[in-house]
């Protein structure tokens, strides 16, 4: 498989880590996720490959006859989890001071999370957005879904202004069935609008994970010479001595990230700050390990 954000070495370093839902989700109780349902639904949803030991009563015999492939039918109640990965593709995500832009870092996170979820036989979808939803891939548990997600990630180009709050509300309206929402964004927008959008998901009983992805220069403001700063999502720019701005900027950035973190904490949302200088696989492995240990 050749794709920009398909990193076999990085995925191997994630080992056997799982992304386990922390709250009740609308899926099948397999020992991984908790479900509010008992028994089986009759609504057909997807397929997954047969593996030795599976119940042959759920084999899709028609597909076997057509394609000579052994596939099991998955029903509505047998998909462990429906997860939606929301990736911010606005212009500000193109910023980079080092080897990788925020958007590329976020795309690697999205690809890795999609891989882990599909490996667990969970259904995963992808939402690409800026000030509006640019692409919406509904969740599926089929292995081919990973290739589809990788293809979409390969095609992304940063552009457009940010309107995170509006997009969150729009996606929340489209995802009524409770599941897992994973937001990957720099969240450079109005804090109250973001908090309102996140609350919409929580109101719908979704579990939410936020990865606020920022460039190291945004967090440390390393500039010490006369510098021209440009608005990534507008036409404005200013030339100034950064020494006069550093402390005020750092105070404002810290207040901004702390407010986002506080808004998430109040809503029982997992908040995580990702610095693009930290290798994405190491960052993600540390998060998943911590998540597993705290139960």
Protein backbone atom coordinates (compact mmCIF):
# COMPACT_ATOMS: atom_id res chain seq x y z
CA UNK A 1 0.00 0.00 0.00
CA UNK A 2 1.48 3.35 -1.03
CA UNK A 3 0.05 6.48 0.53
CA UNK A 4 1.60 9.60 1.99
CA UNK A 5 0.20 9.08 5.47
CA UNK A 6 0.55 5.30 5.57
CA UNK A 7 3.54 4.74 7.86
CA UNK A 8 4.09 1.01 8.57
CA UNK A 9 7.01 1.75 10.90
CA UNK A 10 4.96 4.23 12.91
CA UNK A 11 2.02 1.86 13.10
CA UNK A 12 4.32 -0.94 14.23
CA UNK A 13 5.57 1.25 17.06
CA UNK A 14 1.98 1.56 18.26
CA UNK A 15 2.15 -2.19 18.86
CA UNK A 16 -0.97 -3.87 20.15
CA UNK A 17 -2.45 -0.75 21.73
CA UNK A 18 -6.22 -0.36 21.48
CA UNK A 19 -8.51 2.64 21.51
CA UNK A 20 -11.17 1.56 23.98
CA UNK A 21 -14.37 3.55 24.48
CA UNK A 22 -14.63 4.87 28.04
CA UNK A 23 -18.40 5.16 28.12
CA UNK A 24 -21.43 3.27 26.88
CA UNK A 25 -21.55 3.16 23.10
CA UNK A 26 -24.18 1.80 20.77
CA UNK A 27 -22.43 -1.34 19.67
CA UNK A 28 -21.96 -5.00 20.46
CA UNK A 29 -20.55 -6.15 23.81
CA UNK A 30 -17.32 -7.99 22.92
CA UNK A 31 -15.30 -7.27 26.03
CA UNK A 32 -13.85 -4.14 24.44
CA UNK A 33 -16.68 -1.60 24.54
CA UNK A 34 -19.73 -1.39 26.77
CA UNK A 35 -23.13 -1.49 25.07
CA UNK A 36 -26.60 -0.36 26.17
CA UNK A 37 -28.13 -3.18 24.12
CA UNK A 38 -28.69 -6.89 24.67
CA UNK A 39 -29.32 -9.50 22.01
CA UNK A 40 -28.86 -9.00 18.30
CA UNK A 41 -30.17 -6.55 15.80
CA UNK A 42 -31.36 -7.72 12.42
CA UNK A 43 -30.17 -4.68 10.50
CA UNK A 44 -27.26 -5.61 8.22
CA UNK A 45 -24.43 -3.09 8.32
CA UNK A 46 -21.12 -4.34 6.87
CA UNK A 47 -18.73 -7.26 6.31
CA UNK A 48 -15.48 -8.36 7.85
CA UNK A 49 -13.12 -11.16 6.79
CA UNK A 50 -13.66 -14.61 8.31
CA UNK A 51 -10.99 -15.77 10.75
CA UNK A 52 -10.64 -19.28 12.21
CA UNK A 53 -12.92 -19.73 15.20
CA UNK A 54 -15.66 -17.38 13.94
CA UNK A 55 -19.25 -18.58 13.93
CA UNK A 56 -19.89 -19.85 10.39
CA UNK A 57 -23.62 -19.16 10.76
CA UNK A 58 -22.93 -15.51 9.89
CA UNK A 59 -20.99 -16.28 6.70
CA UNK A 60 -22.29 -14.43 3.64
CA UNK A 61 -22.79 -17.41 1.34
CA UNK A 62 -23.89 -15.26 -1.58
CA UNK A 63 -20.64 -13.28 -1.45
CA UNK A 64 -18.70 -16.54 -1.21
CA UNK A 65 -20.40 -17.79 -4.36
CA UNK A 66 -19.71 -14.55 -6.22
CA UNK A 67 -16.16 -13.82 -5.11
CA UNK A 68 -14.81 -16.95 -3.45
CA UNK A 69 -14.12 -14.81 -0.36
CA UNK A 70 -15.12 -15.78 3.16
CA UNK A 71 -16.85 -12.75 4.68
CA UNK A 72 -18.95 -12.51 7.84
CA UNK A 73 -22.03 -10.34 7.96
CA UNK A 74 -21.89 -7.61 10.58
CA UNK A 75 -25.18 -6.39 11.95
CA UNK A 76 -26.10 -3.07 13.49
CA UNK A 77 -25.51 -4.41 16.98
CA UNK A 78 -22.24 -6.15 16.11
CA UNK A 79 -20.14 -3.16 15.19
CA UNK A 80 -18.27 -2.40 18.39
CA UNK A 81 -18.16 1.33 17.92
CA UNK A 82 -18.86 4.08 15.44
CA UNK A 83 -16.06 6.61 15.45
CA UNK A 84 -15.80 9.87 13.54
CA UNK A 85 -12.41 11.52 12.99
CA UNK A 86 -12.77 15.26 12.35
CA UNK A 87 -9.67 16.83 10.78
CA UNK A 88 -9.30 20.60 10.44
CA UNK A 89 -8.00 21.49 6.96
CA UNK A 90 -8.21 25.28 7.26
CA UNK A 91 -5.38 27.55 6.12
CA UNK A 92 -3.93 27.97 9.62
CA UNK A 93 -3.21 24.22 9.71
CA UNK A 94 -0.65 24.72 6.92
CA UNK A 95 1.71 26.56 9.27
CA UNK A 96 5.03 24.89 9.97
CA UNK A 97 8.31 26.00 11.46
CA UNK A 98 9.93 22.56 11.38
CA UNK A 99 9.75 19.41 9.30
CA UNK A 100 5.98 18.93 9.39
CA UNK A 101 2.95 21.19 9.14
CA UNK A 102 0.10 20.94 11.60
CA UNK A 103 -2.06 19.51 8.83
CA UNK A 104 0.40 16.75 7.97
CA UNK A 105 0.81 15.91 11.65
CA UNK A 106 -2.97 15.78 12.04
CA UNK A 107 -3.29 13.58 8.95
CA UNK A 108 -0.79 11.08 10.39
CA UNK A 109 -2.79 11.04 13.63
CA UNK A 110 -6.02 10.51 11.67
CA UNK A 111 -4.54 7.67 9.59
CA UNK A 112 -3.12 5.93 12.67
CA UNK A 113 -6.36 6.19 14.62
CA UNK A 114 -8.35 4.90 11.64
CA UNK A 115 -5.97 1.94 11.36
CA UNK A 116 -6.32 1.08 15.05
CA UNK A 117 -10.10 1.33 15.01
CA UNK A 118 -10.54 -0.81 11.89
CA UNK A 119 -8.11 -3.36 13.31
CA UNK A 120 -10.54 -3.61 16.26
CA UNK A 121 -13.45 -4.20 13.82
CA UNK A 122 -14.85 -0.79 14.77
CA UNK A 123 -16.54 1.43 12.20
CA UNK A 124 -14.67 4.66 11.50
CA UNK A 125 -15.50 7.65 9.34
CA UNK A 126 -13.65 10.82 8.36
CA UNK A 127 -14.77 14.45 8.23
CA UNK A 128 -12.53 17.05 6.58
CA UNK A 129 -13.47 20.66 7.27
CA UNK A 130 -12.49 24.32 7.34
CA UNK A 131 -15.35 26.80 7.72
CA UNK A 132 -17.65 24.05 6.47
CA UNK A 133 -17.57 20.30 5.93
CA UNK A 134 -15.45 19.62 2.85
CA UNK A 135 -15.73 15.82 2.84
CA UNK A 136 -17.81 13.39 4.87
CA UNK A 137 -17.02 9.67 4.80
CA UNK A 138 -19.61 7.68 6.79
CA UNK A 139 -18.24 5.12 9.27
CA UNK A 140 -17.60 1.57 8.07
CA UNK A 141 -15.77 -1.35 9.63
CA UNK A 142 -14.62 -2.91 6.36
CA UNK A 143 -10.82 -3.08 5.75
CA UNK A 144 -11.30 -1.18 2.48
CA UNK A 145 -12.40 1.82 4.55
CA UNK A 146 -8.79 2.38 5.59
CA UNK A 147 -7.72 2.71 1.97
CA UNK A 148 -10.56 5.14 1.31
CA UNK A 149 -9.53 7.28 4.28
CA UNK A 150 -5.89 7.26 3.19
CA UNK A 151 -6.92 8.34 -0.30
CA UNK A 152 -8.89 11.29 1.10
CA UNK A 153 -6.01 12.31 3.35
CA UNK A 154 -3.64 12.21 0.37
CA UNK A 155 -5.85 14.67 -1.49
CA UNK A 156 -6.23 17.28 1.25
CA UNK A 157 -4.95 20.78 0.69
CA UNK A 158 -5.18 23.49 3.35
CA UNK A 159 -7.47 26.33 2.51
CA UNK A 160 -10.29 28.46 3.77
CA UNK A 161 -10.97 30.18 7.05
CA UNK A 162 -11.84 28.35 10.25
CA UNK A 163 -15.30 28.01 11.74
CA UNK A 164 -14.86 25.12 14.14
CA UNK A 165 -17.97 25.79 16.20
CA UNK A 166 -20.36 25.81 13.23
CA UNK A 167 -18.83 22.62 11.81
CA UNK A 168 -19.08 20.82 15.14
CA UNK A 169 -22.78 21.66 15.35
CA UNK A 170 -23.34 20.48 11.77
CA UNK A 171 -21.59 17.15 12.33
CA UNK A 172 -23.37 16.67 15.67
CA UNK A 173 -26.70 16.99 13.85
CA UNK A 174 -25.62 14.21 11.46
CA UNK A 175 -24.39 11.80 14.14
CA UNK A 176 -27.34 10.99 16.36
CA UNK A 177 -26.23 7.49 17.32
CA UNK A 178 -23.82 7.69 20.23
CA UNK A 179 -20.21 6.81 19.53
CA UNK A 180 -16.73 8.33 19.59
CA UNK A 181 -15.82 11.75 18.19
CA UNK A 182 -12.12 12.52 17.62
CA UNK A 183 -11.35 16.17 16.82
CA UNK A 184 -7.92 17.07 15.40
CA UNK A 185 -7.45 20.83 15.04
CA UNK A 186 -5.36 23.77 16.17
CA UNK A 187 -8.67 25.18 17.48
CA UNK A 188 -7.63 28.69 16.57
CA UNK A 189 -11.12 30.11 16.72
CA UNK A 190 -13.49 31.60 19.27
CA UNK A 191 -13.28 29.54 22.45
CA UNK A 192 -16.96 29.92 23.30
CA UNK A 193 -18.04 28.71 19.84
CA UNK A 194 -15.80 25.64 20.15
CA UNK A 195 -17.14 24.89 23.63
CA UNK A 196 -20.70 25.13 22.35
CA UNK A 197 -20.00 22.72 19.49
CA UNK A 198 -18.31 20.22 21.80
CA UNK A 199 -21.26 20.45 24.18
CA UNK A 200 -23.57 19.49 21.30
CA UNK A 201 -21.73 16.17 20.97
CA UNK A 202 -21.86 15.57 24.71
CA UNK A 203 -25.58 16.38 24.68
CA UNK A 204 -25.95 13.58 22.12
CA UNK A 205 -24.07 11.26 24.51
CA UNK A 206 -20.96 10.94 22.35
CA UNK A 207 -17.57 10.37 23.89
CA UNK A 208 -15.20 13.08 22.64
CA UNK A 209 -11.41 13.19 22.32
CA UNK A 210 -9.69 16.45 21.36
CA UNK A 211 -6.17 16.64 19.94
CA UNK A 212 -5.21 20.31 19.82
CA UNK A 213 -2.37 20.28 17.30
CA UNK A 214 0.02 23.24 17.43
CA UNK A 215 3.41 24.06 15.97
CA UNK A 216 6.32 24.43 18.37
CA UNK A 217 6.85 28.04 17.23
CA UNK A 218 3.26 28.85 18.18
CA UNK A 219 3.93 27.51 21.66
CA UNK A 220 7.40 28.97 22.25
CA UNK A 221 7.55 32.10 20.01
CA UNK A 222 11.29 31.68 19.24
CA UNK A 223 11.66 34.82 17.08
CA UNK A 224 14.25 37.43 18.12
CA UNK A 225 14.79 39.57 15.02
CA UNK A 226 12.60 42.03 13.18
CA UNK A 227 9.95 39.75 11.70
CA UNK A 228 7.00 40.02 9.32
CA UNK A 229 3.99 38.14 10.70
CA UNK A 230 1.11 37.23 8.39
CA UNK A 231 -2.44 36.23 9.22
CA UNK A 232 -2.73 32.65 7.92
CA UNK A 233 -6.44 33.04 7.21
CA UNK A 234 -6.59 36.66 6.13
CA UNK A 235 -4.74 39.42 4.28
CA UNK A 236 -3.38 41.19 7.35
CA UNK A 237 0.31 41.34 8.25
CA UNK A 238 2.58 43.28 10.58
CA UNK A 239 6.32 43.87 10.82
CA UNK A 240 7.57 44.19 14.38
CA UNK A 241 10.29 43.38 16.88
CA UNK A 242 9.13 40.11 18.45
CA UNK A 243 10.97 40.86 21.70
CA UNK A 244 8.31 43.46 22.41
CA UNK A 245 5.55 40.89 21.91
CA UNK A 246 6.98 37.66 23.29
CA UNK A 247 5.71 37.70 26.86
CA UNK A 248 2.30 39.07 25.96
CA UNK A 249 1.96 36.47 23.19
CA UNK A 250 3.06 33.58 25.43
CA UNK A 251 0.65 34.67 28.16
CA UNK A 252 -2.18 34.84 25.64
CA UNK A 253 -1.34 31.45 24.13
CA UNK A 254 -1.19 29.83 27.54
CA UNK A 255 -4.53 31.39 28.50
CA UNK A 256 -6.01 30.17 25.21
CA UNK A 257 -4.90 26.54 25.58
CA UNK A 258 -5.85 26.51 29.26
CA UNK A 259 -9.34 27.76 28.40
CA UNK A 260 -9.81 25.02 25.81
CA UNK A 261 -8.53 22.46 28.29
CA UNK A 262 -10.87 23.78 30.99
CA UNK A 263 -13.87 23.72 28.63
CA UNK A 264 -13.09 20.08 27.80
CA UNK A 265 -12.61 19.11 31.44
CA UNK A 266 -15.96 20.62 32.40
CA UNK A 267 -17.64 18.48 29.72
CA UNK A 268 -15.72 15.27 30.56
CA UNK A 269 -13.86 15.47 27.25
CA UNK A 270 -10.34 14.06 26.87
CA UNK A 271 -8.09 17.01 25.96
CA UNK A 272 -4.58 16.49 24.57
CA UNK A 273 -2.08 19.07 23.34
CA UNK A 274 0.10 17.82 20.48
CA UNK A 275 3.32 19.65 19.58
CA UNK A 276 4.39 18.92 16.00
CA UNK A 277 8.01 18.44 17.12
CA UNK A 278 6.93 15.36 19.11
CA UNK A 279 6.87 12.33 16.75
CA UNK A 280 3.21 11.54 16.14
CA UNK A 281 3.56 7.81 16.86
CA UNK A 282 5.30 8.44 20.19
CA UNK A 283 2.69 11.01 21.15
CA UNK A 284 -0.18 8.71 20.21
CA UNK A 285 1.35 5.66 21.89
CA UNK A 286 1.84 7.62 25.13
CA UNK A 287 -1.77 8.81 25.00
CA UNK A 288 -3.19 5.33 24.36
CA UNK A 289 -1.03 3.79 27.07
CA UNK A 290 -2.13 6.42 29.60
CA UNK A 291 -5.76 6.00 28.53
CA UNK A 292 -5.54 2.24 29.07
CA UNK A 293 -3.91 2.60 32.49
CA UNK A 294 -6.36 5.10 33.95
CA UNK A 295 -9.30 2.84 32.95
